[in-house]
Amino acid sequence: MSMNKEMMDAIEKDLVFLATASPDGTPNVVPIGFARPIGEDTILIADNYMNKTRKNLEKNPKISLVTKDATKCPFQFKGSVLIYESGKYFDIVTEWGENAMTKLTPKAAILMKVEEIYSIQPGPDA
């Protein structure tokens, strides 16, 4: 699936919420400030404070993402992730942390491959 420019801009410029599930199906949602599209089907996410989220992704690499303002970007993005603790993607998120107002030291880079995009805009019968 490909994101359009408006979708990519909304993800980059807004807070996003990530949803994961533990192996037993317990849901988890967290706000994330460091998520950036790096292509039409890929989102890079900095793991700064992910505890439950990271554990969930290590066991179940499926993720869902929405932006804070669904009126501007009424879409849900679903996909699979790879976790990097070194290399190119980790270097990118480390640079983000160094440039943040409050210096952050990411634990990992989460690379999300967008596999599905759903509209969350209510229809006429909602």
Protein backbone atom coordinates (compact mmCIF):
# COMPACT_ATOMS: atom_id res chain seq x y z
CA MET A 1 0.00 0.00 0.00
CA SER A 2 1.16 3.51 -0.73
CA MET A 3 0.61 6.58 1.38
CA ASN A 4 -0.07 9.87 -0.39
CA LYS A 5 1.65 13.16 0.42
CA GLU A 6 -1.13 14.32 2.78
CA MET A 7 -0.88 11.08 4.77
CA MET A 8 2.88 11.28 4.99
CA ASP A 9 2.77 14.96 6.03
CA ALA A 10 0.20 14.22 8.76
CA ILE A 11 2.35 11.41 10.20
CA GLU A 12 5.49 13.54 10.16
CA LYS A 13 3.93 16.70 11.58
CA ASP A 14 1.58 15.26 14.19
CA LEU A 15 1.68 13.02 17.21
CA VAL A 16 0.75 9.45 16.31
CA PHE A 17 -0.72 6.64 18.36
CA LEU A 18 0.68 3.13 17.95
CA ALA A 19 -1.34 0.05 18.78
CA THR A 20 0.17 -3.36 19.43
CA ALA A 21 -1.02 -6.57 21.05
CA SER A 22 0.72 -8.99 23.35
CA PRO A 23 0.85 -12.68 22.41
CA ASP A 24 -2.24 -13.28 24.57
CA GLY A 25 -4.12 -10.48 22.76
CA THR A 26 -3.86 -7.75 25.40
CA PRO A 27 -3.98 -4.42 23.51
CA ASN A 28 -1.54 -1.57 24.08
CA VAL A 29 -1.67 1.99 22.66
CA VAL A 30 1.04 4.63 23.09
CA PRO A 31 1.57 8.19 21.83
CA ILE A 32 4.72 8.64 19.73
CA GLY A 33 6.34 11.93 18.75
CA PHE A 34 9.12 10.51 16.58
CA ALA A 35 7.53 8.80 13.58
CA ARG A 36 8.46 9.79 10.04
CA PRO A 37 7.59 8.32 6.64
CA ILE A 38 10.75 7.42 4.74
CA GLY A 39 8.92 6.28 1.62
CA GLU A 40 5.40 5.75 0.32
CA ASP A 41 5.06 2.46 2.20
CA THR A 42 7.50 2.76 5.10
CA ILE A 43 7.40 4.61 8.44
CA LEU A 44 10.41 4.92 10.74
CA ILE A 45 9.67 5.14 14.47
CA ALA A 46 12.10 5.91 17.31
CA ASP A 47 11.91 3.60 20.33
CA ASN A 48 12.62 6.08 23.12
CA TYR A 49 10.38 4.85 25.95
CA MET A 50 8.66 1.76 24.55
CA ASN A 51 8.45 -0.96 27.15
CA LYS A 52 5.24 -2.93 26.61
CA THR A 53 5.15 -1.87 22.98
CA ARG A 54 8.65 -3.18 22.32
CA LYS A 55 7.95 -6.49 24.11
CA ASN A 56 4.76 -6.87 22.09
CA LEU A 57 6.53 -6.17 18.79
CA GLU A 58 9.29 -8.68 19.56
CA LYS A 59 6.66 -11.42 19.97
CA ASN A 60 4.03 -10.11 17.53
CA PRO A 61 5.50 -7.78 14.86
CA LYS A 62 2.12 -6.34 13.82
CA ILE A 63 1.32 -2.69 14.43
CA SER A 64 -1.40 -0.14 13.76
CA LEU A 65 -0.96 3.65 13.66
CA VAL A 66 -3.30 6.66 13.58
CA THR A 67 -2.50 10.37 13.78
CA LYS A 68 -3.68 12.50 16.68
CA ASP A 69 -5.95 14.60 14.45
CA ALA A 70 -8.13 12.15 12.56
CA THR A 71 -10.12 15.02 11.06
CA LYS A 72 -7.05 15.99 9.01
CA CYS A 73 -5.83 12.45 8.36
CA PRO A 74 -8.75 10.02 8.79
CA PHE A 75 -6.76 6.87 8.14
CA GLN A 76 -5.46 3.88 10.04
CA PHE A 77 -2.18 2.37 8.87
CA LYS A 78 -1.49 -1.31 9.57
CA GLY A 79 1.64 -3.28 8.93
CA SER A 80 4.58 -5.32 10.12
CA VAL A 81 7.79 -4.12 11.73
CA LEU A 82 11.49 -4.87 11.89
CA ILE A 83 13.53 -3.69 14.88
CA TYR A 84 17.05 -2.30 14.48
CA GLU A 85 19.45 -1.65 17.35
CA SER A 86 22.28 -0.56 15.03
CA GLY A 87 22.84 0.41 11.42
CA LYS A 88 21.37 2.99 9.08
CA TYR A 89 17.85 3.23 10.58
CA PHE A 90 19.16 3.32 14.14
CA ASP A 91 21.57 6.11 13.16
CA ILE A 92 18.65 8.15 11.75
CA VAL A 93 16.56 7.93 14.93
CA THR A 94 19.64 8.65 17.05
CA GLU A 95 20.12 11.87 15.07
CA TRP A 96 16.47 12.78 15.74
CA GLY A 97 17.11 12.32 19.47
CA GLU A 98 20.24 14.47 19.37
CA ASN A 99 18.31 17.27 17.67
CA ALA A 100 15.32 17.13 20.04
CA MET A 101 14.80 19.90 22.60
CA THR A 102 15.18 17.32 25.36
CA LYS A 103 18.03 15.11 24.25
CA LEU A 104 16.83 11.53 23.76
CA THR A 105 18.80 8.35 23.34
CA PRO A 106 16.72 5.87 21.33
CA LYS A 107 16.95 2.20 22.24
CA ALA A 108 16.04 1.08 18.72
CA ALA A 109 14.58 2.04 15.36
CA ILE A 110 11.25 0.46 14.44
CA LEU A 111 10.73 0.18 10.69
CA MET A 112 7.05 -0.24 9.77
CA LYS A 113 6.08 -1.60 6.37
CA VAL A 114 2.59 -0.24 5.62
CA GLU A 115 0.51 -3.16 4.36
CA GLU A 116 -3.04 -1.80 4.74
CA ILE A 117 -4.64 1.64 4.90
CA TYR A 118 -8.20 2.05 6.16
CA SER A 119 -10.41 5.12 6.21
CA ILE A 120 -11.68 5.89 9.70
CA GLN A 121 -13.93 8.65 8.48
CA PRO A 122 -17.54 7.95 9.44
CA GLY A 123 -19.87 7.18 6.58
CA PRO A 124 -23.37 8.62 6.08
CA ASP A 125 -24.98 5.89 8.21
CA ALA A 126 -22.64 6.36 11.20
